[in-house]
Amino acid sequence: MKFEHFNKSELEKYCIALDLDIRKKKKAELIEAVYEYERNEIDLAIKDGRDNALLFTKISSLADEYANNLKQKIKGRKKEMEADDNSHYLIYCVLGISETDGKQIDEYQNTGRFLYKYAGSFLEEAASLCLAFSNSSGSKTTIKNTEGARPKTFEIDFLNGNNAIELKWRDATTDGDHITKEHSRVIAITKQGYTPVRIMFYYPQREQAIKIQKTLETLYAGVSGQYYAGENAWKYLEKISGYSLKSILLKIAEGRTFE
């Protein structure tokens, strides 16, 4: 769970639930206290042989949180769309799309954006949890962009020893500027003395997006980095963490009920 996104009131409530002292603590201190609590909880579970059970519980709870938030976002957007100006349906009709189908297309397009965003954030956070369980000193970090003015810094999703791991659920980008930014990012990481590692769980399916990924794979190889995509990504994460995220997600999915 990314506690940085909590406001101070939410953090205080969370800390109280964990029986942590919140008196005279700033937001940054509350975040530090929560992460310290979680680290101790994980270390104790590992020591007692309960780490697999705890990891499953944490990822399952994370999935529930994301699922509930996604449901509320979609519900809210559908409510907003009831007041939309639908005069553009005229063009849909001209192009052979009925008003009913046009409405459904607009609805799926709007809500689909939330789904893709939440799917990516959830999977990346779940993967980070696996890494955190296996490496108590690893964490998210940032480095200075030495190759340009924007952005000022690059984020490393998880610094695993000397490996600067970037986690992606899927990258379907077709923008050529994406390669330029990734090139700057990889060079900056290399200059910092780290090995860039890209873990992308789902490979894109469109030709142009695939070409972009092929270019990125060559880029990583050129600086002695590592690039894992599709099934290789799942296997690599399990290899370095010792936990099978895919097995955990399959078990959670099997227990889901759908409306």
Protein backbone atom coordinates (compact mmCIF):
# COMPACT_ATOMS: atom_id res chain seq x y z
CA MET A 1 0.00 0.00 0.00
CA LYS A 2 1.39 3.40 -1.00
CA PHE A 3 0.98 5.45 2.15
CA GLU A 4 2.43 8.56 0.49
CA HIS A 5 -0.95 9.07 -1.17
CA PHE A 6 -2.75 9.22 2.19
CA ASN A 7 -3.54 12.59 3.68
CA LYS A 8 -2.48 13.18 7.28
CA SER A 9 -5.92 12.42 8.72
CA GLU A 10 -6.05 9.08 6.89
CA LEU A 11 -2.55 8.25 8.09
CA GLU A 12 -3.44 9.05 11.68
CA LYS A 13 -6.48 6.75 11.53
CA TYR A 14 -4.35 3.99 10.02
CA CYS A 15 -1.67 4.42 12.69
CA ILE A 16 -4.26 4.33 15.47
CA ALA A 17 -5.61 1.06 14.06
CA LEU A 18 -2.07 -0.33 14.31
CA ASP A 19 -1.76 1.04 17.85
CA LEU A 20 1.04 3.42 16.82
CA ASP A 21 1.73 6.69 18.62
CA ILE A 22 0.68 9.67 16.46
CA ARG A 23 1.28 12.47 18.96
CA LYS A 24 3.19 15.48 17.54
CA LYS A 25 4.16 13.54 14.41
CA LYS A 26 4.31 15.12 10.97
CA LYS A 27 3.02 13.31 7.89
CA ALA A 28 6.51 12.13 6.90
CA GLU A 29 7.05 10.74 10.40
CA LEU A 30 3.72 8.90 10.29
CA ILE A 31 4.65 7.33 6.94
CA GLU A 32 8.01 6.28 8.35
CA ALA A 33 6.32 4.74 11.40
CA VAL A 34 3.90 2.73 9.24
CA TYR A 35 6.66 1.41 6.98
CA GLU A 36 8.74 0.46 10.01
CA TYR A 37 5.75 -1.39 11.47
CA GLU A 38 5.18 -3.26 8.22
CA ARG A 39 8.88 -4.13 7.88
CA ASN A 40 8.91 -5.58 11.41
CA GLU A 41 5.71 -7.51 10.63
CA ILE A 42 7.28 -9.00 7.50
CA ASP A 43 10.57 -9.85 9.22
CA LEU A 44 8.75 -11.62 12.06
CA ALA A 45 6.61 -13.59 9.60
CA ILE A 46 9.71 -14.68 7.69
CA LYS A 47 11.37 -15.76 10.93
CA ASP A 48 8.29 -17.79 11.93
CA GLY A 49 7.75 -19.29 8.46
CA ARG A 50 4.50 -17.38 7.91
CA ASP A 51 5.79 -15.19 5.08
CA ASN A 52 3.85 -16.90 2.27
CA ALA A 53 0.60 -16.59 4.19
CA LEU A 54 1.25 -12.94 5.08
CA LEU A 55 2.21 -12.05 1.52
CA PHE A 56 -0.99 -13.63 0.20
CA THR A 57 -3.05 -11.74 2.79
CA LYS A 58 -1.41 -8.42 1.92
CA ILE A 59 -1.81 -8.84 -1.84
CA SER A 60 -5.39 -10.06 -1.40
CA SER A 61 -6.21 -7.00 0.74
CA LEU A 62 -4.50 -4.78 -1.81
CA ALA A 63 -6.60 -6.34 -4.57
CA ASP A 64 -9.80 -5.73 -2.59
CA GLU A 65 -8.83 -2.10 -2.03
CA TYR A 66 -8.13 -1.52 -5.72
CA ALA A 67 -11.28 -3.39 -6.77
CA ASN A 68 -13.48 -1.30 -4.46
CA ASN A 69 -11.89 1.97 -5.54
CA LEU A 70 -12.22 1.01 -9.21
CA LYS A 71 -15.88 0.15 -8.73
CA GLN A 72 -16.56 3.53 -7.15
CA LYS A 73 -14.66 5.37 -9.89
CA ILE A 74 -16.62 3.61 -12.63
CA LYS A 75 -19.91 4.19 -10.83
CA GLY A 76 -19.10 7.88 -10.48
CA ARG A 77 -18.10 8.28 -14.12
CA LYS A 78 -21.28 6.58 -15.34
CA LYS A 79 -23.27 8.99 -13.19
CA GLU A 80 -21.40 11.95 -14.69
CA MET A 81 -22.05 10.67 -18.20
CA GLU A 82 -25.80 10.79 -17.68
CA ALA A 83 -25.54 14.58 -17.99
CA ASP A 84 -23.23 14.52 -21.03
CA ASP A 85 -24.06 16.28 -24.29
CA ASN A 86 -24.61 13.41 -26.72
CA SER A 87 -25.07 15.47 -29.87
CA HIS A 88 -21.98 13.77 -31.31
CA TYR A 89 -24.06 10.61 -31.69
CA LEU A 90 -25.13 12.16 -35.01
CA ILE A 91 -21.67 11.44 -36.39
CA TYR A 92 -21.75 7.93 -34.94
CA CYS A 93 -25.03 7.31 -36.81
CA VAL A 94 -23.55 8.70 -40.03
CA LEU A 95 -20.72 6.19 -39.65
CA GLY A 96 -23.13 3.32 -39.09
CA ILE A 97 -23.05 3.13 -35.29
CA SER A 98 -26.45 3.16 -33.58
CA GLU A 99 -27.18 5.50 -30.69
CA THR A 100 -27.37 2.53 -28.31
CA ASP A 101 -24.02 1.15 -29.47
CA GLY A 102 -22.50 4.64 -29.44
CA LYS A 103 -23.50 5.15 -25.82
CA GLN A 104 -22.03 1.80 -24.85
CA ILE A 105 -18.78 2.55 -26.69
CA ASP A 106 -18.42 5.91 -24.92
CA GLU A 107 -19.13 4.24 -21.58
CA TYR A 108 -16.54 1.52 -22.09
CA GLN A 109 -13.96 4.00 -23.34
CA ASN A 110 -14.37 6.21 -20.28
CA THR A 111 -14.43 3.43 -17.70
CA GLY A 112 -11.71 1.49 -19.52
CA ARG A 113 -9.22 4.23 -18.75
CA PHE A 114 -9.76 3.67 -15.04
CA LEU A 115 -9.40 -0.09 -15.46
CA TYR A 116 -6.05 0.15 -17.28
CA LYS A 117 -4.70 2.63 -14.74
CA TYR A 118 -5.79 0.56 -11.74
CA ALA A 119 -4.62 -2.72 -13.30
CA GLY A 120 -1.15 -1.30 -13.84
CA SER A 121 -0.83 0.30 -10.42
CA PHE A 122 -2.09 -2.80 -8.63
CA LEU A 123 0.23 -5.24 -10.41
CA GLU A 124 3.26 -3.02 -9.95
CA GLU A 125 2.50 -2.60 -6.24
CA ALA A 126 1.92 -6.34 -5.78
CA ALA A 127 5.24 -7.10 -7.49
CA SER A 128 6.97 -4.55 -5.24
CA LEU A 129 5.54 -6.38 -2.23
CA CYS A 130 7.14 -9.63 -3.39
CA LEU A 131 10.47 -7.86 -3.71
CA ALA A 132 10.08 -6.16 -0.33
CA PHE A 133 9.47 -9.53 1.34
CA SER A 134 12.71 -10.89 -0.12
CA ASN A 135 14.90 -7.82 0.37
CA SER A 136 14.50 -5.77 3.53
CA SER A 137 16.97 -3.11 2.36
CA GLY A 138 15.46 -2.65 -1.10
CA SER A 139 12.97 0.12 -1.84
CA LYS A 140 11.64 2.67 -4.32
CA THR A 141 14.06 5.50 -4.98
CA THR A 142 14.81 8.33 -7.38
CA ILE A 143 17.94 9.41 -9.26
CA LYS A 144 18.87 12.66 -10.97
CA ASN A 145 18.26 12.94 -14.69
CA THR A 146 21.80 13.54 -15.94
CA GLU A 147 20.73 13.49 -19.59
CA GLY A 148 18.31 16.41 -19.78
CA ALA A 149 16.26 19.03 -17.97
CA ARG A 150 12.94 17.17 -17.97
CA PRO A 151 12.07 15.28 -15.95
CA LYS A 152 14.39 16.38 -13.16
CA THR A 153 14.49 12.87 -11.69
CA PHE A 154 13.78 9.30 -12.71
CA GLU A 155 11.99 6.89 -10.38
CA ILE A 156 13.32 3.40 -9.74
CA ASP A 157 10.41 1.17 -8.75
CA PHE A 158 12.62 -1.09 -6.63
CA LEU A 159 16.35 -0.92 -6.01
CA ASN A 160 17.24 -4.59 -5.53
CA GLY A 161 20.89 -4.54 -4.56
CA ASN A 162 22.60 -3.04 -7.60
CA ASN A 163 19.64 -3.75 -9.89
CA ALA A 164 17.40 -0.77 -10.66
CA ILE A 165 14.11 -2.52 -11.39
CA GLU A 166 11.35 -0.93 -13.45
CA LEU A 167 7.98 -2.67 -13.12
CA LYS A 168 5.43 -2.47 -15.93
CA TRP A 169 2.17 -4.38 -16.21
CA ARG A 170 2.08 -3.65 -19.96
CA ASP A 171 3.56 -0.97 -22.19
CA ALA A 172 1.55 -0.36 -25.35
CA THR A 173 3.12 3.02 -26.08
CA THR A 174 3.66 3.81 -29.76
CA ASP A 175 5.08 7.31 -29.27
CA GLY A 176 8.64 7.62 -30.57
CA ASP A 177 9.44 10.10 -27.77
CA HIS A 178 8.97 7.19 -25.38
CA ILE A 179 12.20 5.66 -26.68
CA THR A 180 14.09 8.92 -26.17
CA LYS A 181 12.88 9.21 -22.57
CA GLU A 182 13.67 5.56 -21.83
CA HIS A 183 17.12 5.98 -23.37
CA SER A 184 17.82 8.94 -21.06
CA ARG A 185 16.47 6.98 -18.09
CA VAL A 186 18.61 3.92 -18.78
CA ILE A 187 21.78 5.98 -19.33
CA ALA A 188 21.16 7.95 -16.11
CA ILE A 189 20.71 4.70 -14.16
CA THR A 190 23.90 3.26 -15.66
CA LYS A 191 25.89 6.39 -14.80
CA GLN A 192 24.65 6.04 -11.23
CA GLY A 193 26.38 2.65 -11.14
CA TYR A 194 23.22 0.55 -11.24
CA THR A 195 22.10 -2.14 -13.69
CA PRO A 196 18.79 -1.24 -15.37
CA VAL A 197 16.26 -4.09 -15.24
CA ARG A 198 12.86 -3.94 -16.95
CA ILE A 199 10.10 -6.34 -15.89
CA MET A 200 6.99 -6.12 -18.08
CA PHE A 201 4.34 -8.74 -17.35
CA TYR A 202 2.21 -8.41 -20.49
CA TYR A 203 3.59 -7.83 -23.96
CA PRO A 204 1.71 -5.44 -26.30
CA GLN A 205 -0.13 -6.94 -29.24
CA ARG A 206 -0.06 -4.18 -31.85
CA GLU A 207 2.75 -4.04 -34.41
CA GLN A 208 3.99 -0.51 -33.69
CA ALA A 209 3.99 -1.05 -29.92
CA ILE A 210 5.90 -4.32 -30.41
CA LYS A 211 8.53 -2.46 -32.47
CA ILE A 212 8.98 0.02 -29.62
CA GLN A 213 9.55 -2.83 -27.16
CA LYS A 214 12.07 -4.50 -29.48
CA THR A 215 13.97 -1.22 -29.58
CA LEU A 216 13.88 -0.94 -25.78
CA GLU A 217 15.11 -4.52 -25.43
CA THR A 218 18.08 -3.67 -27.66
CA LEU A 219 18.67 -0.51 -25.61
CA TYR A 220 18.86 -2.48 -22.36
CA ALA A 221 21.19 -5.04 -23.90
CA GLY A 222 23.46 -2.25 -25.12
CA VAL A 223 24.22 -1.13 -21.54
CA SER A 224 24.41 -4.69 -20.14
CA GLY A 225 20.96 -4.28 -18.62
CA GLN A 226 18.22 -6.90 -18.36
CA TYR A 227 14.85 -7.00 -20.10
CA TYR A 228 12.09 -9.48 -19.19
CA ALA A 229 8.65 -9.56 -20.77
CA GLY A 230 5.61 -11.85 -20.71
CA GLU A 231 6.15 -15.23 -19.07
CA ASN A 232 9.85 -14.45 -18.60
CA ALA A 233 8.88 -11.51 -16.40
CA TRP A 234 6.81 -13.69 -14.05
CA LYS A 235 9.61 -16.27 -13.86
CA TYR A 236 12.29 -13.67 -13.21
CA LEU A 237 10.29 -12.07 -10.39
CA GLU A 238 9.80 -15.47 -8.77
CA LYS A 239 13.51 -16.26 -9.19
CA ILE A 240 14.78 -13.12 -7.49
CA SER A 241 12.06 -12.86 -4.82
CA GLY A 242 11.30 -16.49 -4.07
CA TYR A 243 7.56 -15.87 -4.37
CA SER A 244 5.19 -16.76 -7.22
CA LEU A 245 3.07 -13.67 -7.75
CA LYS A 246 1.23 -15.32 -10.61
CA SER A 247 0.12 -18.21 -8.39
CA ILE A 248 -1.14 -15.76 -5.77
CA LEU A 249 -3.12 -13.79 -8.35
CA LEU A 250 -4.62 -16.95 -9.85
CA LYS A 251 -5.81 -17.99 -6.39
CA ILE A 252 -7.37 -14.56 -5.76
CA ALA A 253 -9.05 -14.60 -9.18
CA GLU A 254 -10.54 -18.05 -8.53
CA GLY A 255 -12.27 -16.68 -5.43
CA ARG A 256 -13.84 -13.71 -7.15
CA THR A 257 -17.55 -13.48 -7.85
CA PHE A 258 -18.87 -11.24 -10.60
CA GLU A 259 -22.07 -9.24 -10.83
